[in-house]
Amino acid sequence: IMRGFIGVKYSPSTSLTSTSRGQIFVDSFIHEPDTRVLRSDGTWDCDEDALDDSGDFFLYSQHSANGVVCGGIQYSYFNETGENVYPNAALVYDAVYAVAYAAHHLI
């Protein structure tokens, strides 16, 4: 049995777009359709037309006293060069996918 803790800190010092694989990720990421939409009354909501690749509704939404809390993303916020995409976005994407994949197989 292992005892102790091993920590890893990754601090990217370069832009995602500095490599061809990073550019491919950014191009794909910024051209996704918005999954969070601004309603005419000025509030945000999940886009109920946003489906994953298998055709399932995948956004988290919760009704609260303040309206709907949406886990969607407004991809149109990111500029065409991808310079305003956080450098750890690809790592977060992979981590969320890995956890969701594992949870799916446990359930």
Protein backbone atom coordinates (compact mmCIF):
# COMPACT_ATOMS: atom_id res chain seq x y z
CA ILE A 1 0.00 0.00 0.00
CA MET A 2 1.35 3.39 -0.98
CA ARG A 3 1.53 6.02 1.69
CA GLY A 4 2.19 9.64 1.02
CA PHE A 5 1.44 12.15 -1.67
CA ILE A 6 2.93 12.92 -5.04
CA GLY A 7 2.01 16.30 -6.49
CA VAL A 8 2.43 17.45 -10.04
CA LYS A 9 2.11 21.05 -11.09
CA TYR A 10 1.87 21.86 -14.76
CA SER A 11 2.26 25.48 -15.71
CA PRO A 12 2.25 25.86 -19.48
CA SER A 13 4.53 28.65 -20.57
CA THR A 14 3.44 28.59 -24.20
CA SER A 15 0.19 29.12 -26.02
CA LEU A 16 -1.92 26.17 -27.09
CA THR A 17 -1.49 27.36 -30.65
CA SER A 18 2.29 26.93 -30.58
CA THR A 19 2.00 23.29 -31.72
CA SER A 20 0.03 21.72 -34.56
CA ARG A 21 -1.92 19.47 -32.13
CA GLY A 22 -2.71 22.49 -29.98
CA GLN A 23 -3.91 24.43 -33.02
CA ILE A 24 -6.17 21.52 -34.02
CA PHE A 25 -7.67 21.47 -30.51
CA VAL A 26 -8.20 25.25 -30.49
CA ASP A 27 -9.77 25.25 -33.97
CA SER A 28 -12.18 22.53 -32.93
CA PHE A 29 -12.89 24.15 -29.55
CA ILE A 30 -13.67 27.68 -30.76
CA HIS A 31 -15.91 26.47 -33.59
CA GLU A 32 -18.26 24.48 -31.37
CA PRO A 33 -21.81 25.86 -31.25
CA ASP A 34 -22.68 27.88 -28.14
CA THR A 35 -24.29 25.70 -25.49
CA ARG A 36 -25.29 28.65 -23.34
CA VAL A 37 -27.61 31.27 -24.82
CA LEU A 38 -28.61 34.77 -23.80
CA ARG A 39 -32.41 35.16 -23.62
CA SER A 40 -34.20 38.32 -24.70
CA ASP A 41 -34.82 39.22 -21.03
CA GLY A 42 -31.03 39.34 -20.42
CA THR A 43 -30.72 36.05 -18.54
CA TRP A 44 -28.65 33.04 -19.55
CA ASP A 45 -30.04 29.60 -20.27
CA CYS A 46 -28.82 26.24 -21.55
CA ASP A 47 -29.39 25.72 -25.27
CA GLU A 48 -31.77 22.78 -25.28
CA ASP A 49 -30.83 22.05 -28.89
CA ALA A 50 -27.21 21.37 -27.88
CA LEU A 51 -26.63 17.64 -28.07
CA ASP A 52 -23.49 15.57 -27.78
CA ASP A 53 -22.11 13.42 -30.60
CA SER A 54 -24.46 10.55 -29.72
CA GLY A 55 -27.52 12.83 -29.83
CA ASP A 56 -28.03 13.01 -26.06
CA PHE A 57 -28.70 16.18 -24.07
CA PHE A 58 -25.54 16.67 -22.01
CA LEU A 59 -25.70 20.06 -20.35
CA TYR A 60 -26.12 20.47 -16.64
CA SER A 61 -28.94 22.75 -15.66
CA GLN A 62 -30.53 23.32 -12.30
CA HIS A 63 -33.55 25.44 -11.52
CA SER A 64 -33.00 27.71 -8.53
CA ALA A 65 -34.48 30.83 -7.00
CA ASN A 66 -32.30 32.84 -9.41
CA GLY A 67 -33.48 30.96 -12.48
CA VAL A 68 -31.61 28.27 -14.40
CA VAL A 69 -27.96 27.60 -13.66
CA CYS A 70 -26.38 26.37 -16.86
CA GLY A 71 -23.14 24.49 -17.32
CA GLY A 72 -22.88 25.47 -20.97
CA ILE A 73 -20.18 27.47 -22.73
CA GLN A 74 -20.42 30.48 -25.00
CA TYR A 75 -17.79 29.37 -27.52
CA SER A 76 -18.33 32.50 -29.62
CA TYR A 77 -16.55 34.42 -26.84
CA PHE A 78 -13.18 33.02 -27.97
CA ASN A 79 -11.34 34.84 -30.74
CA GLU A 80 -10.30 33.18 -34.01
CA THR A 81 -6.63 32.96 -33.04
CA GLY A 82 -7.45 31.12 -29.82
CA GLU A 83 -5.15 33.37 -27.83
CA ASN A 84 -7.85 33.92 -25.20
CA VAL A 85 -8.34 30.18 -24.65
CA TYR A 86 -6.85 29.31 -21.26
CA PRO A 87 -3.65 27.24 -21.74
CA ASN A 88 -4.98 24.46 -19.49
CA ALA A 89 -8.24 24.11 -21.47
CA ALA A 90 -7.07 20.97 -23.25
CA LEU A 91 -6.03 19.39 -19.95
CA VAL A 92 -9.34 20.25 -18.31
CA TYR A 93 -11.19 18.86 -21.33
CA ASP A 94 -9.26 15.58 -21.07
CA ALA A 95 -9.74 15.35 -17.30
CA VAL A 96 -13.49 15.95 -17.47
CA TYR A 97 -13.82 13.42 -20.27
CA ALA A 98 -11.83 10.81 -18.30
CA VAL A 99 -13.94 11.28 -15.15
CA ALA A 100 -17.20 11.16 -17.13
CA TYR A 101 -16.05 8.06 -18.99
CA ALA A 102 -15.11 6.33 -15.73
CA ALA A 103 -18.37 7.33 -14.04
CA HIS A 104 -20.35 6.07 -17.01
CA HIS A 105 -18.74 2.64 -16.70
CA LEU A 106 -19.31 2.53 -12.93
CA ILE A 107 -23.02 3.30 -13.16
